[in-house]
N, C-alpha and C. Protein backbone atom coordinates (compact mmCIF):
# COMPACT_ATOMS: atom_id res chain seq x y z
N MET A 1 62.21 122.63 115.64
CA MET A 1 61.87 123.42 114.48
C MET A 1 61.81 122.48 113.28
N ASN A 2 60.69 122.49 112.60
CA ASN A 2 60.56 121.63 111.44
C ASN A 2 61.13 122.31 110.20
N ALA A 3 61.22 121.55 109.11
CA ALA A 3 61.85 122.05 107.89
C ALA A 3 61.06 123.22 107.29
N LEU A 4 59.74 123.18 107.39
CA LEU A 4 58.92 124.24 106.81
C LEU A 4 59.14 125.56 107.54
N SER A 5 59.15 125.55 108.84
CA SER A 5 59.35 126.80 109.57
C SER A 5 60.78 127.30 109.41
N ARG A 6 61.74 126.38 109.27
CA ARG A 6 63.12 126.80 109.06
C ARG A 6 63.27 127.48 107.69
N SER A 7 62.63 126.92 106.66
CA SER A 7 62.73 127.54 105.34
C SER A 7 62.00 128.88 105.30
N ALA A 8 60.89 128.99 106.02
CA ALA A 8 60.18 130.26 106.09
C ALA A 8 61.03 131.31 106.80
N THR A 9 61.74 130.90 107.84
CA THR A 9 62.62 131.81 108.56
C THR A 9 63.76 132.28 107.67
N LEU A 10 64.34 131.36 106.91
CA LEU A 10 65.43 131.73 106.00
C LEU A 10 64.94 132.65 104.89
N LEU A 11 63.74 132.41 104.39
CA LEU A 11 63.17 133.27 103.36
C LEU A 11 62.95 134.68 103.89
N THR A 12 62.41 134.77 105.09
CA THR A 12 62.18 136.08 105.71
C THR A 12 63.50 136.80 105.93
N ALA A 13 64.50 136.08 106.40
CA ALA A 13 65.81 136.69 106.62
C ALA A 13 66.41 137.16 105.30
N GLY A 14 66.23 136.38 104.25
CA GLY A 14 66.74 136.77 102.94
C GLY A 14 66.06 138.00 102.40
N ILE A 15 64.76 138.09 102.57
CA ILE A 15 64.01 139.26 102.11
C ILE A 15 64.44 140.50 102.90
N ASN A 16 64.60 140.33 104.20
CA ASN A 16 65.04 141.47 105.03
C ASN A 16 66.43 141.94 104.62
N LEU A 17 67.33 141.01 104.33
CA LEU A 17 68.68 141.38 103.92
C LEU A 17 68.65 142.08 102.57
N ALA A 18 67.85 141.56 101.63
CA ALA A 18 67.76 142.19 100.31
C ALA A 18 67.18 143.60 100.41
N THR A 19 66.17 143.77 101.25
CA THR A 19 65.58 145.09 101.45
C THR A 19 66.60 146.05 102.05
N TRP A 20 67.34 145.58 103.03
CA TRP A 20 68.35 146.41 103.68
C TRP A 20 69.42 146.83 102.68
N LEU A 21 69.90 145.87 101.87
CA LEU A 21 70.94 146.16 100.89
C LEU A 21 70.45 147.15 99.83
N LEU A 22 69.25 146.93 99.33
CA LEU A 22 68.70 147.84 98.32
C LEU A 22 68.48 149.24 98.89
N ALA A 23 67.99 149.32 100.11
CA ALA A 23 67.78 150.63 100.74
C ALA A 23 69.09 151.38 100.90
N ARG A 24 70.14 150.67 101.25
CA ARG A 24 71.44 151.32 101.39
C ARG A 24 71.99 151.73 100.02
N ALA A 25 71.74 150.91 99.01
CA ALA A 25 72.27 151.21 97.68
C ALA A 25 71.64 152.46 97.10
N VAL A 26 70.35 152.67 97.34
CA VAL A 26 69.67 153.85 96.80
C VAL A 26 69.54 154.97 97.82
N ASN A 27 70.15 154.77 98.99
CA ASN A 27 70.17 155.78 100.05
C ASN A 27 68.76 156.21 100.46
N MET A 28 67.92 155.23 100.77
CA MET A 28 66.55 155.48 101.21
C MET A 28 66.31 154.75 102.52
N PRO A 29 65.45 155.27 103.37
CA PRO A 29 65.06 154.50 104.56
C PRO A 29 64.28 153.26 104.14
N GLU A 30 64.46 152.17 104.88
CA GLU A 30 63.80 150.92 104.53
C GLU A 30 62.27 151.03 104.44
N PRO A 31 61.59 151.69 105.41
CA PRO A 31 60.12 151.78 105.30
C PRO A 31 59.68 152.50 104.04
N LEU A 32 60.39 153.55 103.65
CA LEU A 32 60.05 154.28 102.43
C LEU A 32 60.24 153.39 101.21
N LEU A 33 61.30 152.61 101.21
CA LEU A 33 61.55 151.68 100.10
C LEU A 33 60.43 150.65 100.01
N GLN A 34 59.99 150.12 101.14
CA GLN A 34 58.93 149.12 101.15
C GLN A 34 57.61 149.71 100.65
N HIS A 35 57.28 150.92 101.10
CA HIS A 35 56.03 151.55 100.69
C HIS A 35 56.07 151.92 99.21
N THR A 36 57.24 152.33 98.73
CA THR A 36 57.39 152.63 97.31
C THR A 36 57.16 151.38 96.48
N GLY A 37 57.68 150.25 96.96
CA GLY A 37 57.47 148.98 96.26
C GLY A 37 56.01 148.60 96.20
N VAL A 38 55.30 148.83 97.29
CA VAL A 38 53.87 148.54 97.32
C VAL A 38 53.13 149.44 96.35
N TYR A 39 53.50 150.72 96.29
CA TYR A 39 52.86 151.66 95.37
C TYR A 39 53.10 151.26 93.92
N VAL A 40 54.33 150.91 93.60
CA VAL A 40 54.65 150.50 92.22
C VAL A 40 53.87 149.24 91.86
N PHE A 41 53.80 148.29 92.78
CA PHE A 41 53.05 147.07 92.52
C PHE A 41 51.58 147.39 92.24
N ALA A 42 51.01 148.30 93.03
CA ALA A 42 49.60 148.66 92.84
C ALA A 42 49.38 149.34 91.48
N GLN A 43 50.33 150.18 91.06
CA GLN A 43 50.19 150.85 89.77
C GLN A 43 50.29 149.85 88.61
N VAL A 44 51.21 148.91 88.72
CA VAL A 44 51.34 147.89 87.67
C VAL A 44 50.09 147.02 87.62
N GLN A 45 49.58 146.66 88.78
CA GLN A 45 48.37 145.84 88.84
C GLN A 45 47.19 146.58 88.21
N ALA A 46 47.08 147.87 88.49
CA ALA A 46 45.99 148.66 87.91
C ALA A 46 46.14 148.75 86.39
N ALA A 47 47.37 148.92 85.92
CA ALA A 47 47.59 148.98 84.47
C ALA A 47 47.24 147.66 83.82
N GLU A 48 47.59 146.56 84.46
CA GLU A 48 47.27 145.25 83.90
C GLU A 48 45.77 145.02 83.89
N ASN A 49 45.07 145.53 84.88
CA ASN A 49 43.63 145.35 84.93
C ASN A 49 42.91 146.20 83.88
N ARG A 50 43.53 147.34 83.48
CA ARG A 50 42.93 148.19 82.46
C ARG A 50 43.08 147.60 81.07
N VAL A 51 44.09 146.79 80.88
CA VAL A 51 44.34 146.19 79.57
C VAL A 51 43.18 145.27 79.23
N ASP A 52 42.86 145.22 77.97
CA ASP A 52 41.79 144.35 77.47
C ASP A 52 41.96 142.94 78.03
N LYS A 53 40.88 142.31 78.38
CA LYS A 53 40.93 141.00 79.03
C LYS A 53 41.42 139.89 78.10
N SER A 54 41.54 140.17 76.81
CA SER A 54 42.12 139.17 75.93
C SER A 54 43.62 139.10 76.21
N LEU A 55 44.31 138.24 75.55
CA LEU A 55 45.73 138.07 75.81
C LEU A 55 46.59 139.08 75.05
N CYS A 56 45.97 140.04 74.40
CA CYS A 56 46.70 141.02 73.61
C CYS A 56 46.98 142.27 74.45
N PRO A 57 48.26 142.61 74.69
CA PRO A 57 48.58 143.79 75.51
C PRO A 57 48.70 145.07 74.67
N MET A 58 48.02 145.16 73.55
CA MET A 58 48.18 146.30 72.64
C MET A 58 47.79 147.65 73.25
N PRO A 59 46.72 147.77 74.03
CA PRO A 59 46.41 149.10 74.58
C PRO A 59 47.55 149.64 75.45
N LEU A 60 48.17 148.80 76.26
CA LEU A 60 49.28 149.25 77.09
C LEU A 60 50.47 149.61 76.21
N LEU A 61 50.73 148.82 75.19
CA LEU A 61 51.83 149.11 74.28
C LEU A 61 51.61 150.45 73.58
N ARG A 62 50.39 150.74 73.17
CA ARG A 62 50.09 152.02 72.52
C ARG A 62 50.31 153.19 73.48
N GLN A 63 49.95 153.01 74.75
CA GLN A 63 50.17 154.06 75.74
C GLN A 63 51.65 154.34 75.90
N ILE A 64 52.44 153.31 75.97
CA ILE A 64 53.89 153.48 76.14
C ILE A 64 54.48 154.16 74.91
N GLN A 65 54.06 153.74 73.73
CA GLN A 65 54.57 154.35 72.51
C GLN A 65 54.19 155.83 72.41
N SER A 66 52.97 156.16 72.77
CA SER A 66 52.55 157.56 72.70
C SER A 66 53.30 158.41 73.73
N PHE A 67 53.65 157.83 74.85
CA PHE A 67 54.42 158.55 75.87
C PHE A 67 55.79 158.94 75.32
N PHE A 68 56.44 158.01 74.63
CA PHE A 68 57.78 158.29 74.12
C PHE A 68 57.76 159.15 72.86
N ARG A 69 56.64 159.29 72.20
CA ARG A 69 56.54 160.12 70.99
C ARG A 69 56.24 161.58 71.32
N ARG A 70 55.89 161.88 72.57
CA ARG A 70 55.58 163.25 72.96
C ARG A 70 56.82 164.13 72.85
N PRO A 71 56.65 165.37 72.41
CA PRO A 71 57.82 166.26 72.35
C PRO A 71 58.24 166.66 73.75
N LEU A 72 59.53 166.83 73.93
CA LEU A 72 60.06 167.25 75.23
C LEU A 72 59.88 168.74 75.39
N GLY A 73 59.62 169.13 76.66
CA GLY A 73 59.56 170.55 76.94
C GLY A 73 58.24 171.11 77.15
């Protein structure tokens, strides 16, 4: 086993352990936790793609501010 495959194996084991620990902490099945993570990643990616292509994140900031200014109820 070379160093590259050994480090890849350790990385995979670490990710599996972290997923297992997080799933137990939030009392969710591991597959549901993984799919939820994929969904959240896709939503964040879509939000980033909607933001103006310049380096200014103002449209996203305005959306967040308007969300918190809405009245409850």
